[in-house]
Structures are given as structure tokens and as C-alpha cells.
């Protein structure tokens, strides 16, 4: 059995401004965000380029926050990003969603 990765972000301080900038661009297409414990559902307008930006964000976050599971799917009226974390990751999930809501 593979151990769960630690609940820790490995993003360096130097990388954070660029990630925040990416999140600001993604937030422009935000429709709604719901968070419950370590589970979140973020819905975004399917505008031009949004899927590519969100997919790149998911790939980047999956590297620095390996403890999170993220899934992006296309629904008829929105792109839906689902974020799930293990017990204890609730503050990280809330912070991530709050950053996308700004």
C-alpha cells in the first residue's frame, strides 16, 4: 500500500506570485464555488481558453499539492472542477477555493 502524500504544498515562495496570477485569470470565469469540508466544486464559464488554463492549473497544483485530487469535466453549461483532499486538508481546500473566488 502506497502511503498518502503529506498535507503540504511544495510551491516555493518565488513561484507563488505566478500561481496567484494564474488563479486571478481563472477567477474571471468563475460561476460558483461550493466547499464542504475537504471537498469543493468550482464551476466556470466555458469561455475561450478557460479549459486550457484550468487544465494547466490542475496539472501544476497536482505537482505541488500531491495530496489533493482534482478532476476537471465539461458539462453542457460550465466547466466543473472538483477538488478532494484527505481529512486534515480542509484549510488548504478552503484557501484554494477562496483564491479562485477573488
C-alpha atoms as a PDB file:
ATOM      1  CA  UNK A   1       0.000   0.000   0.000  1.00  0.00           C
ATOM      2  CA  UNK A   2       1.381   3.382  -1.036  1.00  0.00           C
ATOM      3  CA  UNK A   3       1.395   5.940   1.792  1.00  0.00           C
ATOM      4  CA  UNK A   4      -0.645   9.094   1.335  1.00  0.00           C
ATOM      5  CA  UNK A   5       1.442  12.164   0.488  1.00  0.00           C
ATOM      6  CA  UNK A   6       1.800  14.655   3.347  1.00  0.00           C
ATOM      7  CA  UNK A   7      -0.639  17.550   3.530  1.00  0.00           C
ATOM      8  CA  UNK A   8       1.875  20.165   2.469  1.00  0.00           C
ATOM      9  CA  UNK A   9       2.324  22.436  -0.514  1.00  0.00           C
ATOM     10  CA  UNK A  10       5.768  22.304  -2.087  1.00  0.00           C
ATOM     11  CA  UNK A  11       5.310  25.500  -4.123  1.00  0.00           C
ATOM     12  CA  UNK A  12       8.255  27.788  -3.440  1.00  0.00           C
ATOM     13  CA  UNK A  13       7.813  31.373  -2.349  1.00  0.00           C
ATOM     14  CA  UNK A  14       9.279  32.512  -5.652  1.00  0.00           C
ATOM     15  CA  UNK A  15       6.636  30.531  -7.577  1.00  0.00           C
ATOM     16  CA  UNK A  16       3.643  31.823  -5.606  1.00  0.00           C
ATOM     17  CA  UNK A  17       3.129  35.184  -7.384  1.00  0.00           C
ATOM     18  CA  UNK A  18       2.880  33.480 -10.777  1.00  0.00           C
ATOM     19  CA  UNK A  19       0.410  30.903  -9.405  1.00  0.00           C
ATOM     20  CA  UNK A  20      -1.706  33.676  -7.856  1.00  0.00           C
ATOM     21  CA  UNK A  21      -1.713  35.461 -11.203  1.00  0.00           C
ATOM     22  CA  UNK A  22      -2.917  32.272 -12.918  1.00  0.00           C
ATOM     23  CA  UNK A  23      -5.691  31.949 -10.333  1.00  0.00           C
ATOM     24  CA  UNK A  24      -6.743  35.569 -10.880  1.00  0.00           C
ATOM     25  CA  UNK A  25      -7.192  34.919 -14.599  1.00  0.00           C
ATOM     26  CA  UNK A  26      -9.181  31.733 -13.902  1.00  0.00           C
ATOM     27  CA  UNK A  27     -11.362  33.588 -11.382  1.00  0.00           C
ATOM     28  CA  UNK A  28     -12.665  35.862 -14.152  1.00  0.00           C
ATOM     29  CA  UNK A  29     -14.700  32.918 -15.442  1.00  0.00           C
ATOM     30  CA  UNK A  30     -15.998  31.787 -12.032  1.00  0.00           C
ATOM     31  CA  UNK A  31     -19.709  30.979 -11.909  1.00  0.00           C
ATOM     32  CA  UNK A  32     -19.903  29.419  -8.442  1.00  0.00           C
ATOM     33  CA  UNK A  33     -17.866  27.669  -5.787  1.00  0.00           C
ATOM     34  CA  UNK A  34     -19.051  25.391  -3.009  1.00  0.00           C
ATOM     35  CA  UNK A  35     -16.861  23.966  -0.284  1.00  0.00           C
ATOM     36  CA  UNK A  36     -17.794  21.338   2.262  1.00  0.00           C
ATOM     37  CA  UNK A  37     -15.021  20.020   4.491  1.00  0.00           C
ATOM     38  CA  UNK A  38     -12.205  18.839   2.182  1.00  0.00           C
ATOM     39  CA  UNK A  39     -14.431  18.743  -0.913  1.00  0.00           C
ATOM     40  CA  UNK A  40     -15.068  21.614  -3.311  1.00  0.00           C
ATOM     41  CA  UNK A  41     -16.911  22.089  -6.580  1.00  0.00           C
ATOM     42  CA  UNK A  42     -15.913  25.088  -8.683  1.00  0.00           C
ATOM     43  CA  UNK A  43     -17.948  25.925 -11.781  1.00  0.00           C
ATOM     44  CA  UNK A  44     -16.522  28.133 -14.525  1.00  0.00           C
ATOM     45  CA  UNK A  45     -17.906  29.648 -17.713  1.00  0.00           C
ATOM     46  CA  UNK A  46     -16.688  27.659 -20.706  1.00  0.00           C
ATOM     47  CA  UNK A  47     -15.109  30.749 -22.312  1.00  0.00           C
ATOM     48  CA  UNK A  48     -12.374  30.542 -24.933  1.00  0.00           C
ATOM     49  CA  UNK A  49      -9.150  29.318 -23.375  1.00  0.00           C
ATOM     50  CA  UNK A  50     -10.666  28.581 -19.972  1.00  0.00           C
ATOM     51  CA  UNK A  51     -10.353  24.806 -20.232  1.00  0.00           C
ATOM     52  CA  UNK A  52      -6.685  25.043 -21.180  1.00  0.00           C
ATOM     53  CA  UNK A  53      -5.923  27.486 -18.342  1.00  0.00           C
ATOM     54  CA  UNK A  54      -7.751  25.368 -15.764  1.00  0.00           C
ATOM     55  CA  UNK A  55      -6.169  22.132 -17.031  1.00  0.00           C
ATOM     56  CA  UNK A  56      -2.710  23.727 -16.717  1.00  0.00           C
ATOM     57  CA  UNK A  57      -3.610  24.934 -13.209  1.00  0.00           C
ATOM     58  CA  UNK A  58      -4.776  21.433 -12.207  1.00  0.00           C
ATOM     59  CA  UNK A  59      -1.541  19.910 -13.531  1.00  0.00           C
ATOM     60  CA  UNK A  60       0.567  22.462 -11.646  1.00  0.00           C
ATOM     61  CA  UNK A  61      -1.387  22.084  -8.398  1.00  0.00           C
ATOM     62  CA  UNK A  62      -1.193  18.301  -8.670  1.00  0.00           C
ATOM     63  CA  UNK A  63       2.599  18.592  -8.565  1.00  0.00           C
ATOM     64  CA  UNK A  64       2.858  20.955  -5.578  1.00  0.00           C
ATOM     65  CA  UNK A  65      -0.151  19.659  -3.623  1.00  0.00           C
ATOM     66  CA  UNK A  66       0.020  15.937  -4.381  1.00  0.00           C
ATOM     67  CA  UNK A  67      -2.400  15.185  -1.541  1.00  0.00           C
ATOM     68  CA  UNK A  68      -5.274  16.841  -3.461  1.00  0.00           C
ATOM     69  CA  UNK A  69      -7.281  15.027  -6.102  1.00  0.00           C
ATOM     70  CA  UNK A  70      -8.641  17.292  -8.798  1.00  0.00           C
ATOM     71  CA  UNK A  71     -10.918  16.458 -11.666  1.00  0.00           C
ATOM     72  CA  UNK A  72     -11.995  18.753 -14.480  1.00  0.00           C
ATOM     73  CA  UNK A  73     -15.016  17.902 -16.576  1.00  0.00           C
ATOM     74  CA  UNK A  74     -17.016  19.661 -19.235  1.00  0.00           C
ATOM     75  CA  UNK A  75     -20.706  19.999 -18.525  1.00  0.00           C
ATOM     76  CA  UNK A  76     -23.203  21.457 -21.019  1.00  0.00           C
ATOM     77  CA  UNK A  77     -23.224  24.879 -19.335  1.00  0.00           C
ATOM     78  CA  UNK A  78     -19.909  25.034 -17.436  1.00  0.00           C
ATOM     79  CA  UNK A  79     -16.516  23.572 -16.711  1.00  0.00           C
ATOM     80  CA  UNK A  80     -16.631  21.843 -13.357  1.00  0.00           C
ATOM     81  CA  UNK A  81     -13.522  21.467 -11.219  1.00  0.00           C
ATOM     82  CA  UNK A  82     -13.861  19.065  -8.310  1.00  0.00           C
ATOM     83  CA  UNK A  83     -11.248  19.166  -5.554  1.00  0.00           C
ATOM     84  CA  UNK A  84     -10.985  16.474  -2.891  1.00  0.00           C
ATOM     85  CA  UNK A  85      -8.481  16.191  -0.092  1.00  0.00           C
ATOM     86  CA  UNK A  86      -7.907  13.842   2.806  1.00  0.00           C
ATOM     87  CA  UNK A  87      -9.015  14.556   6.352  1.00  0.00           C
ATOM     88  CA  UNK A  88      -6.947  17.417   7.688  1.00  0.00           C
ATOM     89  CA  UNK A  89      -6.699  19.230   4.356  1.00  0.00           C
ATOM     90  CA  UNK A  90      -9.857  21.294   4.876  1.00  0.00           C
ATOM     91  CA  UNK A  91      -7.979  24.600   5.409  1.00  0.00           C
ATOM     92  CA  UNK A  92      -5.964  24.074   2.215  1.00  0.00           C
ATOM     93  CA  UNK A  93      -9.076  23.328   0.160  1.00  0.00           C
ATOM     94  CA  UNK A  94     -10.812  26.416   1.586  1.00  0.00           C
ATOM     95  CA  UNK A  95      -7.770  28.605   0.830  1.00  0.00           C
ATOM     96  CA  UNK A  96      -7.507  27.297  -2.706  1.00  0.00           C
ATOM     97  CA  UNK A  97     -11.185  27.967  -3.418  1.00  0.00           C
ATOM     98  CA  UNK A  98     -11.034  31.383  -1.763  1.00  0.00           C
ATOM     99  CA  UNK A  99      -8.120  32.292  -4.045  1.00  0.00           C
ATOM    100  CA  UNK A 100     -10.177  31.283  -7.074  1.00  0.00           C
ATOM    101  CA  UNK A 101     -13.091  33.410  -5.844  1.00  0.00           C
ATOM    102  CA  UNK A 102     -11.024  36.624  -5.668  1.00  0.00           C
END
